[in-house]
Every structure is written in structure tokens, then in C-alpha cells.
C-alpha atoms as a PDB file:
ATOM      1  CA  MET A   1     -60.344 -29.152  11.098  1.00  0.00           C
ATOM      2  CA  GLY A   2     -57.538 -30.977   9.284  1.00  0.00           C
ATOM      3  CA  SER A   3     -57.152 -31.205   5.522  1.00  0.00           C
ATOM      4  CA  LEU A   4     -57.756 -34.660   4.046  1.00  0.00           C
ATOM      5  CA  SER A   5     -54.837 -34.037   1.692  1.00  0.00           C
ATOM      6  CA  ARG A   6     -52.554 -34.685   4.644  1.00  0.00           C
ATOM      7  CA  LEU A   7     -53.565 -38.368   4.520  1.00  0.00           C
ATOM      8  CA  ALA A   8     -51.084 -38.733   1.661  1.00  0.00           C
ATOM      9  CA  GLY A   9     -48.400 -39.040   4.346  1.00  0.00           C
ATOM     10  CA  ARG A  10     -49.686 -42.632   4.801  1.00  0.00           C
ATOM     11  CA  LYS A  11     -49.144 -42.806   8.583  1.00  0.00           C
ATOM     12  CA  LEU A  12     -52.326 -43.287  10.596  1.00  0.00           C
ATOM     13  CA  LEU A  13     -52.941 -43.248  14.329  1.00  0.00           C
ATOM     14  CA  VAL A  14     -55.820 -45.579  15.302  1.00  0.00           C
ATOM     15  CA  ILE A  15     -57.508 -45.444  18.722  1.00  0.00           C
ATOM     16  CA  GLY A  16     -59.742 -48.248  19.960  1.00  0.00           C
ATOM     17  CA  ARG A  17     -59.915 -51.803  21.096  1.00  0.00           C
ATOM     18  CA  VAL A  18     -57.923 -54.894  20.256  1.00  0.00           C
ATOM     19  CA  GLY A  19     -59.018 -58.369  21.254  1.00  0.00           C
ATOM     20  CA  MET A  20     -58.835 -62.083  20.640  1.00  0.00           C
ATOM     21  CA  ASP A  21     -61.442 -63.810  18.469  1.00  0.00           C
ATOM     22  CA  LEU A  22     -62.183 -67.530  18.724  1.00  0.00           C
ATOM     23  CA  TYR A  23     -64.063 -69.033  15.770  1.00  0.00           C
ATOM     24  CA  ALA A  24     -66.040 -72.242  16.085  1.00  0.00           C
ATOM     25  CA  ASP A  25     -64.401 -74.710  13.725  1.00  0.00           C
ATOM     26  CA  PRO A  26     -65.159 -76.014  11.132  1.00  0.00           C
ATOM     27  CA  PRO A  27     -67.062 -73.141   9.463  1.00  0.00           C
ATOM     28  CA  GLY A  28     -70.770 -73.539  10.014  1.00  0.00           C
ATOM     29  CA  ALA A  29     -70.388 -75.060  13.494  1.00  0.00           C
ATOM     30  CA  ARG A  30     -72.400 -73.591  16.341  1.00  0.00           C
ATOM     31  CA  THR A  31     -70.477 -72.485  19.413  1.00  0.00           C
ATOM     32  CA  GLU A  32     -72.402 -74.737  21.795  1.00  0.00           C
ATOM     33  CA  GLU A  33     -71.629 -77.759  19.622  1.00  0.00           C
ATOM     34  CA  ALA A  34     -68.021 -76.923  18.719  1.00  0.00           C
ATOM     35  CA  THR A  35     -65.161 -79.178  19.820  1.00  0.00           C
ATOM     36  CA  ARG A  36     -62.404 -76.851  18.614  1.00  0.00           C
ATOM     37  CA  PHE A  37     -61.820 -73.182  17.847  1.00  0.00           C
ATOM     38  CA  THR A  38     -59.371 -71.194  15.721  1.00  0.00           C
ATOM     39  CA  SER A  39     -57.921 -67.942  16.997  1.00  0.00           C
ATOM     40  CA  ALA A  40     -57.491 -64.577  15.276  1.00  0.00           C
ATOM     41  CA  LEU A  41     -56.788 -60.971  16.108  1.00  0.00           C
ATOM     42  CA  GLY A  42     -59.988 -59.020  16.722  1.00  0.00           C
ATOM     43  CA  GLY A  43     -61.364 -55.679  17.874  1.00  0.00           C
ATOM     44  CA  SER A  44     -62.651 -53.030  15.482  1.00  0.00           C
ATOM     45  CA  ALA A  45     -59.703 -50.633  15.755  1.00  0.00           C
ATOM     46  CA  ALA A  46     -57.139 -53.428  15.409  1.00  0.00           C
ATOM     47  CA  ASN A  47     -58.990 -54.844  12.397  1.00  0.00           C
ATOM     48  CA  THR A  48     -59.035 -51.412  10.777  1.00  0.00           C
ATOM     49  CA  ALA A  49     -55.303 -51.045  11.398  1.00  0.00           C
ATOM     50  CA  VAL A  50     -54.711 -54.410   9.707  1.00  0.00           C
ATOM     51  CA  ALA A  51     -56.754 -53.288   6.690  1.00  0.00           C
ATOM     52  CA  LEU A  52     -54.638 -50.146   6.404  1.00  0.00           C
ATOM     53  CA  VAL A  53     -51.311 -51.969   6.677  1.00  0.00           C
ATOM     54  CA  ARG A  54     -52.380 -54.615   4.183  1.00  0.00           C
ATOM     55  CA  GLN A  55     -52.888 -51.800   1.681  1.00  0.00           C
ATOM     56  CA  GLY A  56     -49.545 -50.126   2.127  1.00  0.00           C
ATOM     57  CA  CYS A  57     -50.235 -47.669   4.936  1.00  0.00           C
ATOM     58  CA  ALA A  58     -48.468 -47.439   8.279  1.00  0.00           C
ATOM     59  CA  ALA A  59     -50.722 -47.740  11.317  1.00  0.00           C
ATOM     60  CA  ALA A  60     -50.045 -47.267  15.035  1.00  0.00           C
ATOM     61  CA  LEU A  61     -52.626 -48.556  17.515  1.00  0.00           C
ATOM     62  CA  VAL A  62     -53.447 -46.733  20.758  1.00  0.00           C
ATOM     63  CA  THR A  63     -55.118 -48.904  23.404  1.00  0.00           C
ATOM     64  CA  CYS A  64     -54.585 -51.009  26.520  1.00  0.00           C
ATOM     65  CA  VAL A  65     -54.429 -54.778  26.969  1.00  0.00           C
ATOM     66  CA  SER A  66     -54.351 -56.939  30.068  1.00  0.00           C
ATOM     67  CA  ASP A  67     -50.974 -58.108  31.301  1.00  0.00           C
ATOM     68  CA  ASP A  68     -51.739 -61.777  30.730  1.00  0.00           C
ATOM     69  CA  ALA A  69     -51.675 -64.459  28.048  1.00  0.00           C
ATOM     70  CA  ILE A  70     -54.573 -62.956  26.060  1.00  0.00           C
ATOM     71  CA  GLY A  71     -52.990 -59.511  26.103  1.00  0.00           C
ATOM     72  CA  ARG A  72     -49.664 -60.963  24.993  1.00  0.00           C
ATOM     73  CA  TYR A  73     -51.424 -62.879  22.220  1.00  0.00           C
ATOM     74  CA  CYS A  74     -52.782 -59.581  20.915  1.00  0.00           C
ATOM     75  CA  LEU A  75     -49.357 -57.936  21.101  1.00  0.00           C
ATOM     76  CA  ASN A  76     -47.806 -60.818  19.159  1.00  0.00           C
ATOM     77  CA  GLN A  77     -50.546 -60.602  16.550  1.00  0.00           C
ATOM     78  CA  LEU A  78     -50.070 -56.860  16.133  1.00  0.00           C
ATOM     79  CA  ASP A  79     -46.371 -57.516  15.546  1.00  0.00           C
ATOM     80  CA  SER A  80     -47.128 -60.210  12.974  1.00  0.00           C
ATOM     81  CA  TYR A  81     -49.346 -57.811  10.996  1.00  0.00           C
ATOM     82  CA  GLY A  82     -46.775 -55.017  11.111  1.00  0.00           C
ATOM     83  CA  ILE A  83     -48.817 -52.676  13.296  1.00  0.00           C
ATOM     84  CA  ASP A  84     -46.889 -50.215  15.444  1.00  0.00           C
ATOM     85  CA  ARG A  85     -47.794 -51.039  19.059  1.00  0.00           C
ATOM     86  CA  ARG A  86     -45.532 -48.669  20.959  1.00  0.00           C
ATOM     87  CA  TYR A  87     -48.686 -46.928  22.256  1.00  0.00           C
ATOM     88  CA  VAL A  88     -50.314 -50.137  23.525  1.00  0.00           C
ATOM     89  CA  ARG A  89     -50.011 -50.322  27.313  1.00  0.00           C
ATOM     90  CA  ALA A  90     -50.385 -53.488  29.378  1.00  0.00           C
ATOM     91  CA  VAL A  91     -52.438 -52.946  32.541  1.00  0.00           C
ATOM     92  CA  THR A  92     -51.689 -54.943  35.681  1.00  0.00           C
ATOM     93  CA  SER A  93     -55.147 -54.887  37.204  1.00  0.00           C
ATOM     94  CA  GLU A  94     -58.215 -57.110  37.099  1.00  0.00           C
ATOM     95  CA  ALA A  95     -59.115 -55.619  33.695  1.00  0.00           C
ATOM     96  CA  ARG A  96     -59.157 -58.099  30.838  1.00  0.00           C
ATOM     97  CA  THR A  97     -58.611 -57.907  27.092  1.00  0.00           C
ATOM     98  CA  SER A  98     -61.784 -58.430  25.072  1.00  0.00           C
ATOM     99  CA  LEU A  99     -62.530 -61.996  24.032  1.00  0.00           C
ATOM    100  CA  ALA A 100     -65.092 -62.865  21.360  1.00  0.00           C
ATOM    101  CA  LEU A 101     -66.519 -66.266  20.458  1.00  0.00           C
ATOM    102  CA  VAL A 102     -67.804 -66.024  16.912  1.00  0.00           C
ATOM    103  CA  GLU A 103     -69.412 -68.347  14.384  1.00  0.00           C
ATOM    104  CA  THR A 104     -68.671 -68.555  10.674  1.00  0.00           C
ATOM    105  CA  ARG A 105     -72.276 -68.849   9.553  1.00  0.00           C
ATOM    106  CA  LEU A 106     -74.607 -66.394   7.852  1.00  0.00           C
ATOM    107  CA  GLU A 107     -77.936 -67.435   9.352  1.00  0.00           C
ATOM    108  CA  ASN A 108     -78.396 -67.053  13.101  1.00  0.00           C
ATOM    109  CA  CYS A 109     -74.719 -66.197  13.563  1.00  0.00           C
ATOM    110  CA  GLN A 110     -73.879 -65.961  17.248  1.00  0.00           C
ATOM    111  CA  SER A 111     -71.186 -63.601  18.506  1.00  0.00           C
ATOM    112  CA  VAL A 112     -70.579 -63.668  22.254  1.00  0.00           C
ATOM    113  CA  ILE A 113     -68.250 -60.880  23.386  1.00  0.00           C
ATOM    114  CA  TYR A 114     -66.713 -60.773  26.860  1.00  0.00           C
ATOM    115  CA  ARG A 115     -65.983 -57.149  27.783  1.00  0.00           C
ATOM    116  CA  ASN A 116     -66.567 -57.115  31.518  1.00  0.00           C
ATOM    117  CA  ASN A 117     -64.052 -54.639  32.957  1.00  0.00           C
ATOM    118  CA  ALA A 118     -62.477 -54.272  29.503  1.00  0.00           C
ATOM    119  CA  ALA A 119     -58.780 -53.420  29.489  1.00  0.00           C
ATOM    120  CA  ASP A 120     -59.081 -50.968  26.587  1.00  0.00           C
ATOM    121  CA  PHE A 121     -61.269 -48.698  28.754  1.00  0.00           C
ATOM    122  CA  ALA A 122     -58.193 -48.139  30.961  1.00  0.00           C
ATOM    123  CA  LEU A 123     -56.678 -45.789  28.356  1.00  0.00           C
ATOM    124  CA  THR A 124     -55.819 -42.445  29.987  1.00  0.00           C
ATOM    125  CA  ARG A 125     -54.987 -38.885  29.019  1.00  0.00           C
ATOM    126  CA  ASP A 126     -51.367 -39.628  29.952  1.00  0.00           C
ATOM    127  CA  ASP A 127     -51.313 -42.372  27.317  1.00  0.00           C
ATOM    128  CA  VAL A 128     -52.291 -40.042  24.492  1.00  0.00           C
ATOM    129  CA  GLU A 129     -50.314 -37.024  25.697  1.00  0.00           C
ATOM    130  CA  THR A 130     -47.052 -38.934  25.196  1.00  0.00           C
ATOM    131  CA  ILE A 131     -47.779 -39.202  21.457  1.00  0.00           C
ATOM    132  CA  ASP A 132     -46.380 -36.699  18.958  1.00  0.00           C
ATOM    133  CA  HIS A 133     -49.551 -36.287  16.921  1.00  0.00           C
ATOM    134  CA  SER A 134     -47.775 -34.068  14.408  1.00  0.00           C
ATOM    135  CA  ALA A 135     -45.766 -37.109  13.274  1.00  0.00           C
ATOM    136  CA  PHE A 136     -48.922 -38.681  11.835  1.00  0.00           C
ATOM    137  CA  SER A 137     -51.036 -38.059   8.740  1.00  0.00           C
ATOM    138  CA  GLY A 138     -54.431 -38.631  10.297  1.00  0.00           C
ATOM    139  CA  LEU A 139     -56.296 -39.992  13.310  1.00  0.00           C
ATOM    140  CA  ILE A 140     -58.975 -42.695  13.247  1.00  0.00           C
ATOM    141  CA  PHE A 141     -61.003 -43.568  16.336  1.00  0.00           C
ATOM    142  CA  THR A 142     -63.943 -45.829  17.106  1.00  0.00           C
ATOM    143  CA  GLY A 143     -66.988 -44.997  19.169  1.00  0.00           C
ATOM    144  CA  THR A 144     -66.537 -47.945  21.503  1.00  0.00           C
ATOM    145  CA  ALA A 145     -63.529 -46.147  22.998  1.00  0.00           C
ATOM    146  CA  LEU A 146     -65.933 -43.381  24.126  1.00  0.00           C
ATOM    147  CA  ALA A 147     -68.271 -45.677  26.036  1.00  0.00           C
ATOM    148  CA  ALA A 148     -66.541 -45.567  29.437  1.00  0.00           C
ATOM    149  CA  GLN A 149     -64.005 -43.674  31.513  1.00  0.00           C
ATOM    150  CA  PRO A 150     -61.106 -42.985  31.576  1.00  0.00           C
ATOM    151  CA  SER A 151     -60.948 -43.954  27.889  1.00  0.00           C
ATOM    152  CA  ARG A 152     -63.568 -41.351  26.963  1.00  0.00           C
ATOM    153  CA  ASP A 153     -61.521 -38.454  28.322  1.00  0.00           C
ATOM    154  CA  ALA A 154     -58.382 -39.897  26.716  1.00  0.00           C
ATOM    155  CA  VAL A 155     -60.023 -39.938  23.282  1.00  0.00           C
ATOM    156  CA  PHE A 156     -61.283 -36.376  23.566  1.00  0.00           C
ATOM    157  CA  ARG A 157     -57.825 -35.262  24.652  1.00  0.00           C
ATOM    158  CA  ALA A 158     -56.377 -37.044  21.599  1.00  0.00           C
ATOM    159  CA  LEU A 159     -58.884 -35.233  19.382  1.00  0.00           C
ATOM    160  CA  ASP A 160     -57.780 -31.889  20.828  1.00  0.00           C
ATOM    161  CA  LEU A 161     -54.134 -32.758  20.167  1.00  0.00           C
ATOM    162  CA  ALA A 162     -54.899 -33.991  16.657  1.00  0.00           C
ATOM    163  CA  ARG A 163     -56.769 -30.827  15.760  1.00  0.00           C
ATOM    164  CA  THR A 164     -53.959 -28.675  17.143  1.00  0.00           C
ATOM    165  CA  ALA A 165     -51.539 -30.630  14.953  1.00  0.00           C
ATOM    166  CA  GLY A 166     -53.796 -30.151  11.909  1.00  0.00           C
ATOM    167  CA  LEU A 167     -54.606 -33.846  11.471  1.00  0.00           C
ATOM    168  CA  PRO A 168     -57.767 -34.944   9.687  1.00  0.00           C
ATOM    169  CA  VAL A 169     -59.949 -36.874  12.147  1.00  0.00           C
ATOM    170  CA  ILE A 170     -62.021 -39.894  11.064  1.00  0.00           C
ATOM    171  CA  PHE A 171     -64.737 -41.221  13.373  1.00  0.00           C
ATOM    172  CA  ASP A 172     -66.231 -44.709  13.048  1.00  0.00           C
ATOM    173  CA  VAL A 173     -69.326 -44.546  15.265  1.00  0.00           C
ATOM    174  CA  ASP A 174     -69.097 -48.308  16.016  1.00  0.00           C
ATOM    175  CA  TYR A 175     -72.031 -48.240  18.453  1.00  0.00           C
ATOM    176  CA  ARG A 176     -72.136 -51.323  20.700  1.00  0.00           C
ATOM    177  CA  PRO A 177     -75.074 -50.884  23.114  1.00  0.00           C
ATOM    178  CA  TYR A 178     -73.682 -53.336  25.682  1.00  0.00           C
ATOM    179  CA  SER A 179     -70.700 -51.017  26.263  1.00  0.00           C
ATOM    180  CA  TRP A 180     -72.754 -47.911  27.112  1.00  0.00           C
ATOM    181  CA  SER A 181     -74.641 -46.975  30.264  1.00  0.00           C
ATOM    182  CA  SER A 182     -77.582 -45.780  28.150  1.00  0.00           C
ATOM    183  CA  ARG A 183     -78.564 -44.895  24.602  1.00  0.00           C
ATOM    184  CA  SER A 184     -78.954 -41.246  25.572  1.00  0.00           C
ATOM    185  CA  ASP A 185     -75.399 -41.179  26.941  1.00  0.00           C
ATOM    186  CA  ALA A 186     -74.138 -42.639  23.662  1.00  0.00           C
ATOM    187  CA  ALA A 187     -76.079 -40.021  21.683  1.00  0.00           C
ATOM    188  CA  GLU A 188     -74.692 -37.100  23.667  1.00  0.00           C
ATOM    189  CA  VAL A 189     -71.068 -38.269  23.668  1.00  0.00           C
ATOM    190  CA  CYS A 190     -71.011 -39.393  20.044  1.00  0.00           C
ATOM    191  CA  LEU A 191     -72.525 -36.094  18.916  1.00  0.00           C
ATOM    192  CA  GLN A 192     -69.711 -34.266  20.702  1.00  0.00           C
ATOM    193  CA  ALA A 193     -67.204 -36.510  18.927  1.00  0.00           C
ATOM    194  CA  CYS A 194     -68.877 -35.849  15.576  1.00  0.00           C
ATOM    195  CA  GLU A 195     -68.455 -32.123  16.104  1.00  0.00           C
ATOM    196  CA  MET A 196     -64.683 -32.676  16.372  1.00  0.00           C
ATOM    197  CA  SER A 197     -64.382 -34.929  13.305  1.00  0.00           C
ATOM    198  CA  ASP A 198     -63.798 -34.327   9.601  1.00  0.00           C
ATOM    199  CA  VAL A 199     -65.151 -37.669   8.389  1.00  0.00           C
ATOM    200  CA  ILE A 200     -67.948 -39.571  10.138  1.00  0.00           C
ATOM    201  CA  VAL A 201     -68.771 -43.166   9.187  1.00  0.00           C
ATOM    202  CA  GLY A 202     -71.770 -45.025  10.576  1.00  0.00           C
ATOM    203  CA  ASN A 203     -74.741 -47.152   9.655  1.00  0.00           C
ATOM    204  CA  ASP A 204     -78.401 -46.220   9.719  1.00  0.00           C
ATOM    205  CA  VAL A 205     -78.824 -47.459  13.295  1.00  0.00           C
ATOM    206  CA  GLU A 206     -75.781 -45.542  14.550  1.00  0.00           C
ATOM    207  CA  PHE A 207     -76.795 -42.225  13.020  1.00  0.00           C
ATOM    208  CA  GLY A 208     -80.277 -42.860  14.410  1.00  0.00           C
ATOM    209  CA  VAL A 209     -78.820 -43.239  17.896  1.00  0.00           C
ATOM    210  CA  ILE A 210     -77.012 -39.906  17.564  1.00  0.00           C
ATOM    211  CA  ALA A 211     -80.204 -38.278  16.286  1.00  0.00           C
ATOM    212  CA  GLY A 212     -82.257 -39.710  19.143  1.00  0.00           C
ATOM    213  CA  ARG A 213     -84.719 -41.199  16.642  1.00  0.00           C
ATOM    214  CA  ASP A 214     -84.232 -44.322  14.547  1.00  0.00           C
ATOM    215  CA  ASP A 215     -85.974 -42.792  11.543  1.00  0.00           C
ATOM    216  CA  ASP A 216     -83.936 -39.578  11.567  1.00  0.00           C
ATOM    217  CA  GLY A 217     -80.419 -40.909  10.943  1.00  0.00           C
ATOM    218  CA  LEU A 218     -79.999 -39.653   7.386  1.00  0.00           C
ATOM    219  CA  SER A 219     -81.112 -36.166   8.368  1.00  0.00           C
ATOM    220  CA  MET A 220     -78.598 -36.271  11.209  1.00  0.00           C
ATOM    221  CA  ALA A 221     -75.791 -37.264   8.825  1.00  0.00           C
ATOM    222  CA  ARG A 222     -76.706 -34.386   6.538  1.00  0.00           C
ATOM    223  CA  GLY A 223     -76.891 -32.015   9.483  1.00  0.00           C
ATOM    224  CA  LEU A 224     -73.423 -32.968  10.683  1.00  0.00           C
ATOM    225  CA  VAL A 225     -71.942 -32.017   7.311  1.00  0.00           C
ATOM    226  CA  ALA A 226     -73.908 -28.780   7.282  1.00  0.00           C
ATOM    227  CA  ALA A 227     -72.502 -28.052  10.749  1.00  0.00           C
ATOM    228  CA  GLY A 228     -68.878 -28.490   9.701  1.00  0.00           C
ATOM    229  CA  ALA A 229     -67.907 -32.104   8.954  1.00  0.00           C
ATOM    230  CA  GLU A 230     -66.380 -32.619   5.523  1.00  0.00           C
ATOM    231  CA  ILE A 231     -67.849 -36.071   4.830  1.00  0.00           C
ATOM    232  CA  ALA A 232     -70.519 -38.295   6.378  1.00  0.00           C
ATOM    233  CA  ILE A 233     -71.001 -41.852   5.120  1.00  0.00           C
ATOM    234  CA  TYR A 234     -74.436 -43.267   5.913  1.00  0.00           C
ATOM    235  CA  LYS A 235     -74.277 -47.049   5.470  1.00  0.00           C
ATOM    236  CA  MET A 236     -77.425 -49.091   4.896  1.00  0.00           C
ATOM    237  CA  GLY A 237     -76.202 -52.689   4.691  1.00  0.00           C
ATOM    238  CA  GLU A 238     -77.260 -54.425   1.491  1.00  0.00           C
ATOM    239  CA  ALA A 239     -78.892 -51.184   0.309  1.00  0.00           C
ATOM    240  CA  GLY A 240     -75.459 -49.565  -0.041  1.00  0.00           C
ATOM    241  CA  ALA A 241     -74.477 -46.166   1.296  1.00  0.00           C
ATOM    242  CA  VAL A 242     -75.166 -42.464   0.912  1.00  0.00           C
ATOM    243  CA  THR A 243     -72.087 -40.254   1.021  1.00  0.00           C
ATOM    244  CA  ILE A 244     -72.746 -36.651   2.003  1.00  0.00           C
ATOM    245  CA  THR A 245     -70.330 -33.782   1.384  1.00  0.00           C
ATOM    246  CA  ARG A 246     -70.602 -30.019   1.456  1.00  0.00           C
ATOM    247  CA  GLY A 247     -70.953 -30.081  -2.308  1.00  0.00           C
ATOM    248  CA  GLY A 248     -73.777 -32.623  -2.442  1.00  0.00           C
ATOM    249  CA  GLU A 249     -74.363 -36.329  -1.976  1.00  0.00           C
ATOM    250  CA  PHE A 250     -74.320 -39.574  -3.938  1.00  0.00           C
ATOM    251  CA  ALA A 251     -75.392 -43.183  -3.442  1.00  0.00           C
ATOM    252  CA  THR A 252     -73.317 -46.317  -4.016  1.00  0.00           C
ATOM    253  CA  GLY A 253     -74.267 -49.985  -4.038  1.00  0.00           C
ATOM    254  CA  VAL A 254     -72.622 -53.097  -2.636  1.00  0.00           C
ATOM    255  CA  TYR A 255     -70.724 -55.904  -4.316  1.00  0.00           C
ATOM    256  CA  ARG A 256     -72.456 -59.253  -4.274  1.00  0.00           C
ATOM    257  CA  THR A 257     -70.603 -62.172  -2.770  1.00  0.00           C
ATOM    258  CA  LYS A 258     -71.197 -65.606  -1.280  1.00  0.00           C
ATOM    259  CA  ALA A 259     -70.978 -64.574   2.351  1.00  0.00           C
ATOM    260  CA  LEU A 260     -69.921 -66.968   5.088  1.00  0.00           C
ATOM    261  CA  LYS A 261     -70.577 -64.580   7.975  1.00  0.00           C
ATOM    262  CA  PRO A 262     -71.842 -61.040   8.674  1.00  0.00           C
ATOM    263  CA  THR A 263     -68.878 -59.864  10.767  1.00  0.00           C
ATOM    264  CA  GLY A 264     -65.888 -57.761   9.729  1.00  0.00           C
ATOM    265  CA  ALA A 265     -67.590 -55.781   6.964  1.00  0.00           C
ATOM    266  CA  GLY A 266     -67.512 -52.426   8.756  1.00  0.00           C
ATOM    267  CA  ASP A 267     -63.854 -52.622   9.741  1.00  0.00           C
ATOM    268  CA  SER A 268     -62.766 -53.667   6.249  1.00  0.00           C
ATOM    269  CA  PHE A 269     -64.900 -50.934   4.692  1.00  0.00           C
ATOM    270  CA  LEU A 270     -63.363 -48.247   6.892  1.00  0.00           C
ATOM    271  CA  GLY A 271     -59.751 -49.336   6.429  1.00  0.00           C
ATOM    272  CA  SER A 272     -60.016 -49.724   2.665  1.00  0.00           C
ATOM    273  CA  PHE A 273     -61.968 -46.492   2.251  1.00  0.00           C
ATOM    274  CA  VAL A 274     -59.279 -44.560   4.137  1.00  0.00           C
ATOM    275  CA  ALA A 275     -56.527 -46.365   2.209  1.00  0.00           C
ATOM    276  CA  GLY A 276     -58.199 -45.189  -0.993  1.00  0.00           C
ATOM    277  CA  LEU A 277     -58.069 -41.579   0.184  1.00  0.00           C
ATOM    278  CA  VAL A 278     -54.448 -42.075   1.239  1.00  0.00           C
ATOM    279  CA  ASP A 279     -53.656 -43.240  -2.311  1.00  0.00           C
ATOM    280  CA  GLY A 280     -55.215 -40.072  -3.725  1.00  0.00           C
ATOM    281  CA  ARG A 281     -58.296 -41.774  -5.183  1.00  0.00           C
ATOM    282  CA  ASP A 282     -61.473 -39.755  -5.479  1.00  0.00           C
ATOM    283  CA  LEU A 283     -64.221 -40.094  -2.912  1.00  0.00           C
ATOM    284  CA  ARG A 284     -66.561 -42.335  -4.931  1.00  0.00           C
ATOM    285  CA  GLU A 285     -63.774 -44.739  -5.896  1.00  0.00           C
ATOM    286  CA  SER A 286     -62.614 -44.903  -2.273  1.00  0.00           C
ATOM    287  CA  ILE A 287     -66.159 -45.718  -1.133  1.00  0.00           C
ATOM    288  CA  LEU A 288     -66.401 -48.504  -3.714  1.00  0.00           C
ATOM    289  CA  ARG A 289     -63.062 -49.933  -2.632  1.00  0.00           C
ATOM    290  CA  GLY A 290     -64.379 -50.027   0.917  1.00  0.00           C
ATOM    291  CA  SER A 291     -67.505 -51.815  -0.265  1.00  0.00           C
ATOM    292  CA  ALA A 292     -65.442 -54.339  -2.224  1.00  0.00           C
ATOM    293  CA  ALA A 293     -63.210 -55.038   0.773  1.00  0.00           C
ATOM    294  CA  ALA A 294     -66.299 -55.660   2.902  1.00  0.00           C
ATOM    295  CA  ALA A 295     -67.525 -58.205   0.336  1.00  0.00           C
ATOM    296  CA  ILE A 296     -64.169 -59.975   0.426  1.00  0.00           C
ATOM    297  CA  VAL A 297     -64.012 -60.200   4.225  1.00  0.00           C
ATOM    298  CA  VAL A 298     -67.513 -61.563   4.807  1.00  0.00           C
ATOM    299  CA  ALA A 299     -66.736 -64.373   2.355  1.00  0.00           C
ATOM    300  CA  LYS A 300     -63.771 -65.615   4.437  1.00  0.00           C
ATOM    301  CA  VAL A 301     -63.145 -67.000   7.902  1.00  0.00           C
ATOM    302  CA  GLY A 302     -61.980 -64.411  10.429  1.00  0.00           C
ATOM    303  CA  CYS A 303     -61.780 -60.631  10.253  1.00  0.00           C
ATOM    304  CA  ALA A 304     -58.175 -59.483  10.552  1.00  0.00           C
ATOM    305  CA  PRO A 305     -56.811 -62.473   8.558  1.00  0.00           C
ATOM    306  CA  ALA A 306     -59.362 -61.810   5.804  1.00  0.00           C
ATOM    307  CA  MET A 307     -58.437 -58.171   5.173  1.00  0.00           C
ATOM    308  CA  PRO A 308     -57.359 -57.888   1.515  1.00  0.00           C
ATOM    309  CA  THR A 309     -54.079 -56.539   0.198  1.00  0.00           C
ATOM    310  CA  SER A 310     -54.148 -53.871  -2.502  1.00  0.00           C
ATOM    311  CA  SER A 311     -53.481 -56.482  -5.201  1.00  0.00           C
ATOM    312  CA  GLU A 312     -56.262 -58.744  -3.908  1.00  0.00           C
ATOM    313  CA  LEU A 313     -58.667 -55.825  -3.814  1.00  0.00           C
ATOM    314  CA  ASN A 314     -57.691 -54.721  -7.325  1.00  0.00           C
ATOM    315  CA  ALA A 315     -58.172 -58.267  -8.634  1.00  0.00           C
ATOM    316  CA  PHE A 316     -61.628 -58.465  -7.074  1.00  0.00           C
ATOM    317  CA  LEU A 317     -62.635 -55.100  -8.517  1.00  0.00           C
ATOM    318  CA  SER A 318     -61.429 -56.017 -11.988  1.00  0.00           C
ATOM    319  CA  SER A 319     -63.611 -59.138 -11.939  1.00  0.00           C
ATOM    320  CA  GLN A 320     -66.788 -57.429 -10.725  1.00  0.00           C
ATOM    321  CA  PRO A 321     -69.163 -54.967 -12.345  1.00  0.00           C
ATOM    322  CA  THR A 322     -69.647 -51.666 -10.530  1.00  0.00           C
ATOM    323  CA  PRO A 323     -72.704 -52.168  -8.318  1.00  0.00           C
ATOM    324  CA  ILE A 324     -75.861 -50.429  -9.472  1.00  0.00           C
ATOM    325  CA  VAL A 325     -77.780 -48.481  -6.868  1.00  0.00           C
END
């Protein structure tokens, strides 16, 4: 396993999907009643990369996009955010880049995601074997990239290469049931990925999927640390999170905000949490920075555009009391 101290090098490799989000406009509009939409970069891995770059890290994305207007939109957006896209390959097949139609509303928020024959699943072992993993400070990957072949094999090959290079590996479970053939397949594959990761981040549902029982997620998170992971973060929505390490565990709360939507919280949490570790902050402070970033993003339109800079995050934290568990 890689040492988390290596994250100080500030250069992260991120594997997972990128996509285009269309938001019903104005905020509050329902998709079926909307007459216009605003566009934004989307996809959990791309959003996480944006969060990292906004807070002073360097991030390179590893994925595939379709060789069409939507794929080129994503490439242009990655450029505009300063994300290294040299490892993003355009595929000239019938595969298509993910497209999401999302609402900016808290109650009954609809998110319709088109991932039929998703381009990001076309990632291959050849794609990751061209990367000099030793040039990076850490690897982050999302569970969606494990849901289908050949992307699944490509990710596991990248994990092998990262471990050989001594990189710390961070796994965001990011379970999306519509991407998997079955829940049992997701459990088996994600457990294998957990066994190759130093830091595992998921919510109560996701750890429950890995455990095979919805009510056994926290025990699973604890068991993964006992089996070799350095950190497991068990997120519980508004109830906060439990962070488990080999030396013990602690609970943290969430920052209250006037939310506009439920989307983007997980990606902003992950990126800002990792950025905190990169900056040399202790584990609890890094968790709280992730929680604060999540509160900021759900209070704004969009996901990638809403990711806070370090100064914005610091300003928010200075104006808020530390949440009580």
C-alpha cells in the first residue's frame, strides 16, 4: 500500500467518467416543463478533478469520450478548468458520452442520466499502461468505472501499476445500480477494489452493498480497515460521517446550508477531503473541509461550476461553527 504522505506532491490521477449536465432553467423548474437548459461539466470523476484543481492541486483525468459534439464539449470544459486531459481518449464507435438532465430543486429532484453504451466504459488496459504512474502523487478512482468491461479490467490494471509505483489509492465507491448487471456483481467487484485501496469513501448504502446486507455497512467499513485499508469514511447524509482508522474512529457532523439541490455533495466532499490531506491537514480537519465543500455545492446551481476554491472554502469555514455530532 502507498503512504498518504506522498499526496504532498499535489499531482493526482483520477479515473472515471466525464459527462455533460443539462440543468432545467430557471432553478426550480421541472424538466418536463422547462423551455431552456444550462450546460455544465458533469461526471463524478471529472467533478472530483475540478474540486482538486480549484484547491491548488494538479489533476489528470483518465477516461474515454465519444468522438462527437458532446465529447468535444467535455474536452473543452476540462481545458477550461485546467484539468490535464492527455489520458482522455475519443472513441469512434457508437458509444456515447454520458448526458444528464438534472433539476435544481430539493424536493422531488429528478435526475435522468443517459448512459446506454457509455463511452467511458471503453477504457482499456492499453490506456492505463501508457501512463507513468510514478509521476503522480496518488490515484483516485470511482466505482462506476468498475461496472462494465473493458473499463473494469483497465481500472484493476491501473491499481496494480499504482501499487507498484507506491502511490496511495483512494476509492470512491460511487455505486450507481443502473450501471451494474446485478447488486451481487457490484458487491464482489467493489470488495476486490477495496482490498487494493488505502482510503475507501462511501455512504451507508454503498458499504451495505459491499457487505451484502443493508444493515451491515458500518461493520463492513470497520472490517476493511482491520483487513488492511488505512482509512474508511462511512457517510450517513445529514447524520454526518464516521471515519475509521487503524487507531480508532471518530464521528463528524455536517454544515447546515440552504440547499438548492441534492446533487454534487459526494464529489465535492471527496475532492476537498483529498485536497486537505494534500495540504498536510490532519484527518479530522480534512473531513470537515469535505463536509463544508459539500454544503457549498448543494447551495448552488451545477456541480463542477459550484466547486469552491480554497479561499471560498476558508471563508465559509470561518463563518460557520464546527458542526456538533
